[in-house]
Amino acid sequence: MKITTREMVLGWVTLVVLLGGISFWWGSAGLERWKKTRARIVEGEKRIEWIERSIRRRPELEKRFAELSRQLPQYEAGQDVTAEILKTLERIARRHGFQLLRREPEKEKDLGDLFQVAVNCSWRGSLESLVHFLYDIQTSGAMFDVDQLTVSPAQGGPGEL
């Protein structure tokens, strides 16, 4: 049996296409692994850089932590402070003409040395009273923090939220 030039060329082309397909299949899997590995390396480098910056800033961070710790009120272990938090929140709101319609405290969360009590509120007031209320919350020390705020116009008059 004699192989013609045409059959020889077809054989070589088939072999090259087959090797190219296998190389592409194997290479694409390797390329994906390489991309994932590279992304993990970059993430690790960023984390190392963040840790090194934190280490360099440690004295500043410790000073800031001590300052914030002094601003936090101290309570006995196991004492329920939800009522006091709600009263303080109501007092700040009233001071700025802000009406809290509904206050729903959530269960206390243990964050290590600190405890967190989230309070969901519905309120009514003007934009100006909201701004003054939020400013007072922000400057009242480390006791309050606003995580989420949704504002919508009230059905009452203009300028009411």
N, C-alpha and C. Protein backbone atom coordinates (compact mmCIF):
# COMPACT_ATOMS: atom_id res chain seq x y z
N MET A 1 0.82 -1.16 0.00
CA MET A 1 0.00 0.00 0.00
C MET A 1 0.88 1.24 0.00
N LYS A 2 0.56 2.10 -0.90
CA LYS A 2 1.35 3.30 -1.07
C LYS A 2 0.55 4.50 -0.60
N ILE A 3 1.17 5.39 0.21
CA ILE A 3 0.52 6.59 0.72
C ILE A 3 0.84 7.73 -0.24
N THR A 4 -0.21 8.39 -0.68
CA THR A 4 0.00 9.50 -1.61
C THR A 4 0.36 10.75 -0.82
N THR A 5 0.81 11.73 -1.58
CA THR A 5 1.19 13.00 -0.96
C THR A 5 -0.02 13.65 -0.29
N ARG A 6 -1.15 13.55 -0.95
CA ARG A 6 -2.38 14.13 -0.39
C ARG A 6 -2.74 13.48 0.94
N GLU A 7 -2.64 12.16 1.03
CA GLU A 7 -2.94 11.44 2.27
C GLU A 7 -1.93 11.79 3.36
N MET A 8 -0.68 11.95 2.93
CA MET A 8 0.38 12.31 3.89
C MET A 8 0.09 13.70 4.47
N VAL A 9 -0.28 14.66 3.61
CA VAL A 9 -0.58 16.02 4.08
C VAL A 9 -1.80 15.98 5.00
N LEU A 10 -2.86 15.23 4.63
CA LEU A 10 -4.04 15.11 5.48
C LEU A 10 -3.69 14.49 6.83
N GLY A 11 -2.82 13.50 6.83
CA GLY A 11 -2.39 12.87 8.07
C GLY A 11 -1.66 13.86 8.97
N TRP A 12 -0.74 14.62 8.37
CA TRP A 12 0.00 15.61 9.16
C TRP A 12 -0.93 16.72 9.67
N VAL A 13 -1.84 17.17 8.82
CA VAL A 13 -2.78 18.21 9.24
C VAL A 13 -3.66 17.69 10.38
N THR A 14 -4.13 16.44 10.25
CA THR A 14 -4.94 15.84 11.31
C THR A 14 -4.15 15.75 12.61
N LEU A 15 -2.90 15.32 12.52
CA LEU A 15 -2.04 15.22 13.70
C LEU A 15 -1.82 16.59 14.34
N VAL A 16 -1.55 17.60 13.51
CA VAL A 16 -1.31 18.95 14.03
C VAL A 16 -2.58 19.49 14.70
N VAL A 17 -3.75 19.30 14.05
CA VAL A 17 -5.01 19.77 14.63
C VAL A 17 -5.29 19.04 15.94
N LEU A 18 -5.06 17.74 15.96
CA LEU A 18 -5.28 16.94 17.16
C LEU A 18 -4.35 17.40 18.29
N LEU A 19 -3.07 17.58 17.98
CA LEU A 19 -2.13 18.07 19.00
C LEU A 19 -2.48 19.49 19.45
N GLY A 20 -2.91 20.33 18.50
CA GLY A 20 -3.33 21.69 18.85
C GLY A 20 -4.54 21.68 19.77
N GLY A 21 -5.52 20.83 19.48
CA GLY A 21 -6.71 20.73 20.33
C GLY A 21 -6.38 20.23 21.72
N ILE A 22 -5.53 19.20 21.80
CA ILE A 22 -5.11 18.68 23.11
C ILE A 22 -4.33 19.74 23.88
N SER A 23 -3.43 20.44 23.18
CA SER A 23 -2.65 21.50 23.84
C SER A 23 -3.55 22.62 24.34
N PHE A 24 -4.54 23.00 23.52
CA PHE A 24 -5.46 24.06 23.92
C PHE A 24 -6.28 23.62 25.13
N TRP A 25 -6.78 22.39 25.10
CA TRP A 25 -7.58 21.88 26.22
C TRP A 25 -6.74 21.84 27.49
N TRP A 26 -5.55 21.29 27.39
CA TRP A 26 -4.67 21.18 28.55
C TRP A 26 -4.18 22.57 28.98
N GLY A 27 -3.86 23.41 28.02
CA GLY A 27 -3.35 24.75 28.32
C GLY A 27 -4.40 25.65 28.94
N SER A 28 -5.65 25.54 28.47
CA SER A 28 -6.69 26.40 29.03
C SER A 28 -6.97 26.04 30.49
N ALA A 29 -6.93 24.76 30.81
CA ALA A 29 -7.10 24.36 32.21
C ALA A 29 -5.94 24.89 33.05
N GLY A 30 -4.74 24.78 32.53
CA GLY A 30 -3.57 25.31 33.23
C GLY A 30 -3.61 26.82 33.35
N LEU A 31 -4.11 27.48 32.31
CA LEU A 31 -4.22 28.93 32.34
C LEU A 31 -5.20 29.38 33.42
N GLU A 32 -6.32 28.68 33.55
CA GLU A 32 -7.28 29.00 34.61
C GLU A 32 -6.65 28.82 35.99
N ARG A 33 -5.93 27.71 36.17
CA ARG A 33 -5.25 27.49 37.46
C ARG A 33 -4.24 28.60 37.71
N TRP A 34 -3.52 29.01 36.67
CA TRP A 34 -2.52 30.06 36.81
C TRP A 34 -3.19 31.38 37.19
N LYS A 35 -4.33 31.71 36.55
CA LYS A 35 -5.04 32.94 36.87
C LYS A 35 -5.53 32.93 38.31
N LYS A 36 -6.08 31.79 38.76
CA LYS A 36 -6.56 31.70 40.14
C LYS A 36 -5.41 31.82 41.13
N THR A 37 -4.30 31.16 40.82
CA THR A 37 -3.13 31.24 41.69
C THR A 37 -2.60 32.67 41.74
N ARG A 38 -2.55 33.32 40.59
CA ARG A 38 -2.07 34.70 40.53
C ARG A 38 -2.99 35.63 41.34
N ALA A 39 -4.30 35.40 41.24
CA ALA A 39 -5.25 36.22 42.01
C ALA A 39 -5.05 36.01 43.51
N ARG A 40 -4.80 34.75 43.92
CA ARG A 40 -4.54 34.49 45.35
C ARG A 40 -3.25 35.16 45.80
N ILE A 41 -2.25 35.16 44.94
CA ILE A 41 -0.97 35.80 45.29
C ILE A 41 -1.17 37.30 45.46
N VAL A 42 -1.89 37.92 44.52
CA VAL A 42 -2.14 39.36 44.61
C VAL A 42 -2.94 39.68 45.87
N GLU A 43 -3.95 38.86 46.17
CA GLU A 43 -4.76 39.05 47.38
C GLU A 43 -3.88 38.93 48.63
N GLY A 44 -2.99 37.94 48.64
CA GLY A 44 -2.08 37.76 49.76
C GLY A 44 -1.14 38.94 49.92
N GLU A 45 -0.64 39.46 48.80
CA GLU A 45 0.25 40.62 48.86
C GLU A 45 -0.48 41.84 49.42
N LYS A 46 -1.73 42.03 49.00
CA LYS A 46 -2.51 43.15 49.53
C LYS A 46 -2.74 42.99 51.02
N ARG A 47 -3.02 41.76 51.44
CA ARG A 47 -3.25 41.51 52.87
C ARG A 47 -1.97 41.75 53.68
N ILE A 48 -0.84 41.30 53.16
CA ILE A 48 0.44 41.54 53.83
C ILE A 48 0.71 43.04 53.94
N GLU A 49 0.44 43.77 52.86
CA GLU A 49 0.65 45.22 52.87
C GLU A 49 -0.25 45.89 53.91
N TRP A 50 -1.52 45.44 53.99
CA TRP A 50 -2.45 46.00 54.98
C TRP A 50 -1.96 45.71 56.39
N ILE A 51 -1.49 44.49 56.63
CA ILE A 51 -0.99 44.11 57.96
C ILE A 51 0.24 44.94 58.32
N GLU A 52 1.14 45.12 57.36
CA GLU A 52 2.34 45.93 57.63
C GLU A 52 1.97 47.38 57.94
N ARG A 53 1.00 47.93 57.21
CA ARG A 53 0.54 49.30 57.51
C ARG A 53 -0.07 49.37 58.90
N SER A 54 -0.84 48.34 59.26
CA SER A 54 -1.46 48.31 60.59
C SER A 54 -0.40 48.23 61.68
N ILE A 55 0.64 47.46 61.44
CA ILE A 55 1.72 47.34 62.42
C ILE A 55 2.42 48.68 62.58
N ARG A 56 2.66 49.38 61.47
CA ARG A 56 3.31 50.69 61.56
C ARG A 56 2.42 51.71 62.28
N ARG A 57 1.10 51.56 62.14
CA ARG A 57 0.16 52.49 62.75
C ARG A 57 -0.28 52.05 64.14
N ARG A 58 0.30 51.01 64.68
CA ARG A 58 -0.16 50.46 65.95
C ARG A 58 -0.21 51.49 67.08
N PRO A 59 0.84 52.29 67.30
CA PRO A 59 0.74 53.27 68.39
C PRO A 59 -0.44 54.23 68.20
N GLU A 60 -0.65 54.68 66.98
CA GLU A 60 -1.76 55.59 66.70
C GLU A 60 -3.10 54.88 66.94
N LEU A 61 -3.20 53.62 66.49
CA LEU A 61 -4.44 52.87 66.67
C LEU A 61 -4.72 52.57 68.14
N GLU A 62 -3.67 52.27 68.91
CA GLU A 62 -3.85 52.02 70.34
C GLU A 62 -4.32 53.28 71.06
N LYS A 63 -3.76 54.42 70.66
CA LYS A 63 -4.17 55.68 71.26
C LYS A 63 -5.64 55.96 70.93
N ARG A 64 -6.01 55.74 69.69
CA ARG A 64 -7.41 55.96 69.26
C ARG A 64 -8.36 54.99 69.97
N PHE A 65 -7.93 53.73 70.12
CA PHE A 65 -8.75 52.74 70.82
C PHE A 65 -8.96 53.15 72.27
N ALA A 66 -7.89 53.61 72.92
CA ALA A 66 -8.01 54.04 74.32
C ALA A 66 -8.97 55.22 74.44
N GLU A 67 -8.89 56.14 73.48
CA GLU A 67 -9.78 57.30 73.49
C GLU A 67 -11.24 56.87 73.31
N LEU A 68 -11.49 55.97 72.37
CA LEU A 68 -12.85 55.48 72.16
C LEU A 68 -13.35 54.68 73.36
N SER A 69 -12.47 53.92 73.98
CA SER A 69 -12.85 53.13 75.16
C SER A 69 -13.29 54.03 76.30
N ARG A 70 -12.63 55.18 76.45
CA ARG A 70 -13.02 56.11 77.51
C ARG A 70 -14.40 56.72 77.22
N GLN A 71 -14.76 56.85 75.94
CA GLN A 71 -16.06 57.44 75.58
C GLN A 71 -17.22 56.47 75.79
N LEU A 72 -16.93 55.18 75.78
CA LEU A 72 -17.99 54.18 75.93
C LEU A 72 -18.43 54.07 77.38
N PRO A 73 -19.72 54.02 77.61
CA PRO A 73 -20.19 53.83 78.99
C PRO A 73 -19.89 52.41 79.47
N GLN A 74 -19.64 52.28 80.76
CA GLN A 74 -19.34 50.97 81.35
C GLN A 74 -20.58 50.46 82.07
N TYR A 75 -20.92 49.21 81.85
CA TYR A 75 -22.08 48.59 82.49
C TYR A 75 -21.65 47.29 83.15
N GLU A 76 -22.43 46.86 84.11
CA GLU A 76 -22.18 45.58 84.77
C GLU A 76 -22.43 44.45 83.78
N ALA A 77 -21.75 43.34 83.98
CA ALA A 77 -21.95 42.18 83.12
C ALA A 77 -23.37 41.66 83.30
N GLY A 78 -24.03 41.36 82.20
CA GLY A 78 -25.38 40.83 82.24
C GLY A 78 -26.47 41.87 82.38
N GLN A 79 -26.09 43.15 82.52
CA GLN A 79 -27.07 44.21 82.68
C GLN A 79 -27.70 44.53 81.32
N ASP A 80 -29.04 44.63 81.28
CA ASP A 80 -29.74 44.98 80.05
C ASP A 80 -29.74 46.50 79.91
N VAL A 81 -29.12 47.00 78.86
CA VAL A 81 -28.99 48.44 78.66
C VAL A 81 -29.90 48.96 77.55
N THR A 82 -30.74 48.10 77.02
CA THR A 82 -31.59 48.48 75.90
C THR A 82 -32.49 49.66 76.25
N ALA A 83 -33.09 49.64 77.43
CA ALA A 83 -33.99 50.73 77.84
C ALA A 83 -33.25 52.06 77.91
N GLU A 84 -32.04 52.04 78.44
CA GLU A 84 -31.26 53.27 78.54
C GLU A 84 -30.88 53.79 77.15
N ILE A 85 -30.53 52.88 76.25
CA ILE A 85 -30.19 53.28 74.88
C ILE A 85 -31.41 53.91 74.20
N LEU A 86 -32.57 53.31 74.37
CA LEU A 86 -33.79 53.85 73.76
C LEU A 86 -34.14 55.22 74.34
N LYS A 87 -33.96 55.40 75.66
CA LYS A 87 -34.23 56.70 76.28
C LYS A 87 -33.28 57.77 75.74
N THR A 88 -32.01 57.42 75.62
CA THR A 88 -31.02 58.37 75.11
C THR A 88 -31.34 58.75 73.67
N LEU A 89 -31.70 57.78 72.87
CA LEU A 89 -32.07 58.02 71.47
C LEU A 89 -33.29 58.94 71.39
N GLU A 90 -34.29 58.68 72.22
CA GLU A 90 -35.50 59.52 72.26
C GLU A 90 -35.16 60.94 72.70
N ARG A 91 -34.29 61.09 73.69
CA ARG A 91 -33.91 62.40 74.19
C ARG A 91 -33.20 63.22 73.11
N ILE A 92 -32.29 62.57 72.37
CA ILE A 92 -31.58 63.27 71.29
C ILE A 92 -32.56 63.68 70.19
N ALA A 93 -33.49 62.80 69.85
CA ALA A 93 -34.48 63.10 68.81
C ALA A 93 -35.36 64.27 69.23
N ARG A 94 -35.85 64.25 70.46
CA ARG A 94 -36.74 65.30 70.96
C ARG A 94 -36.02 66.65 70.97
N ARG A 95 -34.74 66.65 71.29
CA ARG A 95 -33.96 67.88 71.35
C ARG A 95 -33.95 68.60 70.00
N HIS A 96 -34.08 67.84 68.91
CA HIS A 96 -34.01 68.43 67.57
C HIS A 96 -35.36 68.45 66.85
N GLY A 97 -36.44 68.25 67.58
CA GLY A 97 -37.77 68.29 66.98
C GLY A 97 -38.02 67.13 66.04
N PHE A 98 -37.44 66.02 66.36
CA PHE A 98 -37.51 64.83 65.53
C PHE A 98 -38.39 63.83 66.26
N GLN A 99 -39.35 63.25 65.58
CA GLN A 99 -40.31 62.36 66.24
C GLN A 99 -40.01 60.91 65.86
N LEU A 100 -39.67 60.10 66.85
CA LEU A 100 -39.46 58.67 66.63
C LEU A 100 -40.79 57.97 66.83
N LEU A 101 -41.32 57.40 65.75
CA LEU A 101 -42.64 56.77 65.80
C LEU A 101 -42.56 55.35 66.34
N ARG A 102 -41.53 54.63 65.95
CA ARG A 102 -41.42 53.22 66.33
C ARG A 102 -39.95 52.91 66.59
N ARG A 103 -39.68 52.22 67.68
CA ARG A 103 -38.32 51.79 68.01
C ARG A 103 -38.36 50.31 68.32
N GLU A 104 -37.60 49.53 67.54
CA GLU A 104 -37.56 48.08 67.75
C GLU A 104 -36.12 47.64 68.00
N PRO A 105 -35.75 47.42 69.25
CA PRO A 105 -34.39 46.95 69.52
C PRO A 105 -34.25 45.48 69.15
N GLU A 106 -33.09 45.14 68.63
CA GLU A 106 -32.80 43.74 68.33
C GLU A 106 -32.04 43.14 69.51
N LYS A 107 -31.80 41.85 69.44
CA LYS A 107 -31.09 41.16 70.51
C LYS A 107 -29.64 41.64 70.56
N GLU A 108 -29.11 41.71 71.75
CA GLU A 108 -27.74 42.14 71.97
C GLU A 108 -26.76 41.16 71.34
N LYS A 109 -25.74 41.68 70.63
CA LYS A 109 -24.72 40.83 70.01
C LYS A 109 -23.41 41.01 70.75
N ASP A 110 -22.76 39.90 71.04
CA ASP A 110 -21.46 39.92 71.72
C ASP A 110 -20.37 40.07 70.66
N LEU A 111 -19.58 41.15 70.76
CA LEU A 111 -18.49 41.40 69.82
C LEU A 111 -17.14 41.33 70.52
N GLY A 112 -17.00 40.41 71.44
CA GLY A 112 -15.75 40.29 72.19
C GLY A 112 -15.81 41.15 73.43
N ASP A 113 -15.04 42.25 73.45
CA ASP A 113 -15.04 43.16 74.59
C ASP A 113 -16.26 44.08 74.60
N LEU A 114 -16.95 44.16 73.47
CA LEU A 114 -18.09 45.06 73.34
C LEU A 114 -19.37 44.29 73.08
N PHE A 115 -20.48 44.94 73.34
CA PHE A 115 -21.79 44.39 72.99
C PHE A 115 -22.49 45.41 72.11
N GLN A 116 -23.23 44.91 71.13
CA GLN A 116 -23.93 45.79 70.19
C GLN A 116 -25.43 45.53 70.26
N VAL A 117 -26.20 46.61 70.30
CA VAL A 117 -27.65 46.52 70.26
C VAL A 117 -28.11 47.35 69.06
N ALA A 118 -28.70 46.68 68.07
CA ALA A 118 -29.23 47.39 66.91
C ALA A 118 -30.66 47.83 67.22
N VAL A 119 -31.00 49.03 66.79
CA VAL A 119 -32.35 49.57 67.00
C VAL A 119 -32.89 50.03 65.66
N ASN A 120 -34.00 49.43 65.23
CA ASN A 120 -34.68 49.84 64.00
C ASN A 120 -35.73 50.88 64.38
N CYS A 121 -35.69 52.03 63.70
CA CYS A 121 -36.59 53.13 64.05
C CYS A 121 -37.38 53.59 62.83
N SER A 122 -38.61 54.00 63.07
CA SER A 122 -39.39 54.76 62.10
C SER A 122 -39.54 56.15 62.69
N TRP A 123 -39.41 57.18 61.88
CA TRP A 123 -39.39 58.52 62.41
C TRP A 123 -40.08 59.48 61.46
N ARG A 124 -40.32 60.68 61.96
CA ARG A 124 -40.93 61.74 61.15
C ARG A 124 -40.28 63.06 61.56
N GLY A 125 -40.00 63.88 60.57
CA GLY A 125 -39.43 65.19 60.86
C GLY A 125 -39.00 65.86 59.57
N SER A 126 -38.46 67.05 59.71
CA SER A 126 -37.98 67.79 58.54
C SER A 126 -36.55 67.37 58.23
N LEU A 127 -36.10 67.77 57.06
CA LEU A 127 -34.72 67.46 56.66
C LEU A 127 -33.74 68.13 57.62
N GLU A 128 -34.04 69.34 58.02
CA GLU A 128 -33.17 70.06 58.95
C GLU A 128 -33.07 69.33 60.29
N SER A 129 -34.21 68.87 60.81
CA SER A 129 -34.17 68.15 62.09
C SER A 129 -33.43 66.82 61.94
N LEU A 130 -33.55 66.17 60.78
CA LEU A 130 -32.81 64.93 60.53
C LEU A 130 -31.31 65.19 60.53
N VAL A 131 -30.90 66.25 59.86
CA VAL A 131 -29.47 66.58 59.79
C VAL A 131 -28.93 66.87 61.20
N HIS A 132 -29.65 67.65 61.97
CA HIS A 132 -29.20 67.97 63.34
C HIS A 132 -29.19 66.71 64.22
N PHE A 133 -30.19 65.87 64.07
CA PHE A 133 -30.26 64.61 64.82
C PHE A 133 -29.06 63.72 64.49
N LEU A 134 -28.79 63.54 63.19
CA LEU A 134 -27.66 62.68 62.78
C LEU A 134 -26.33 63.27 63.22
N TYR A 135 -26.20 64.60 63.15
CA TYR A 135 -24.96 65.23 63.60
C TYR A 135 -24.76 65.00 65.10
N ASP A 136 -25.83 65.13 65.86
CA ASP A 136 -25.75 64.91 67.31
C ASP A 136 -25.38 63.45 67.61
N ILE A 137 -25.97 62.52 66.86
CA ILE A 137 -25.63 61.09 67.02
C ILE A 137 -24.14 60.88 66.73
N GLN A 138 -23.67 61.50 65.64
CA GLN A 138 -22.27 61.32 65.22
C GLN A 138 -21.30 61.89 66.24
N THR A 139 -21.64 63.02 66.83
CA THR A 139 -20.71 63.69 67.75
C THR A 139 -20.93 63.31 69.21
N SER A 140 -21.88 62.42 69.49
CA SER A 140 -22.18 62.08 70.88
C SER A 140 -21.22 61.05 71.46
N GLY A 141 -20.16 60.75 70.77
CA GLY A 141 -19.21 59.77 71.27
C GLY A 141 -19.34 58.46 70.52
N ALA A 142 -18.83 57.42 71.13
CA ALA A 142 -18.77 56.12 70.45
C ALA A 142 -19.98 55.25 70.75
N MET A 143 -20.99 55.79 71.40
CA MET A 143 -22.11 54.94 71.81
C MET A 143 -23.05 54.60 70.65
N PHE A 144 -23.25 55.53 69.71
CA PHE A 144 -24.19 55.31 68.61
C PHE A 144 -23.45 55.30 67.27
N ASP A 145 -23.99 54.50 66.35
CA ASP A 145 -23.46 54.44 64.99
C ASP A 145 -24.62 54.12 64.06
N VAL A 146 -24.77 54.85 62.98
CA VAL A 146 -25.84 54.62 62.02
C VAL A 146 -25.30 53.71 60.93
N ASP A 147 -25.87 52.49 60.84
CA ASP A 147 -25.43 51.54 59.82
C ASP A 147 -26.22 51.70 58.53
N GLN A 148 -27.51 51.95 58.64
CA GLN A 148 -28.35 52.04 57.45
C GLN A 148 -29.40 53.11 57.69
N LEU A 149 -29.65 53.92 56.66
CA LEU A 149 -30.63 54.98 56.77
C LEU A 149 -31.44 55.03 55.48
N THR A 150 -32.76 54.95 55.60
CA THR A 150 -33.65 55.06 54.45
C THR A 150 -34.53 56.27 54.67
N VAL A 151 -34.57 57.18 53.70
CA VAL A 151 -35.33 58.41 53.82
C VAL A 151 -36.35 58.45 52.69
N SER A 152 -37.60 58.78 53.03
CA SER A 152 -38.63 58.95 52.00
C SER A 152 -39.57 60.07 52.43
N PRO A 153 -40.19 60.75 51.47
CA PRO A 153 -41.09 61.84 51.83
C PRO A 153 -42.33 61.32 52.53
N ALA A 154 -42.80 62.09 53.49
CA ALA A 154 -44.02 61.71 54.24
C ALA A 154 -45.24 62.17 53.45
N GLN A 155 -46.39 61.60 53.78
CA GLN A 155 -47.62 61.96 53.10
C GLN A 155 -48.20 63.26 53.63
N GLY A 156 -47.59 63.79 54.66
CA GLY A 156 -48.08 65.04 55.26
C GLY A 156 -47.83 66.21 54.33
N GLY A 157 -47.14 67.20 54.81
CA GLY A 157 -46.90 68.40 54.04
C GLY A 157 -45.55 68.36 53.34
N PRO A 158 -45.26 69.40 52.58
CA PRO A 158 -43.96 69.47 51.92
C PRO A 158 -42.85 69.65 52.94
N GLY A 159 -41.73 69.07 52.66
CA GLY A 159 -40.58 69.17 53.56
C GLY A 159 -40.59 68.17 54.69
N GLU A 160 -41.61 67.33 54.77
CA GLU A 160 -41.68 66.31 55.82
C GLU A 160 -41.10 65.00 55.30
N LEU A 161 -40.33 64.35 56.14
CA LEU A 161 -39.73 63.06 55.79
C LEU A 161 -40.29 61.99 56.68
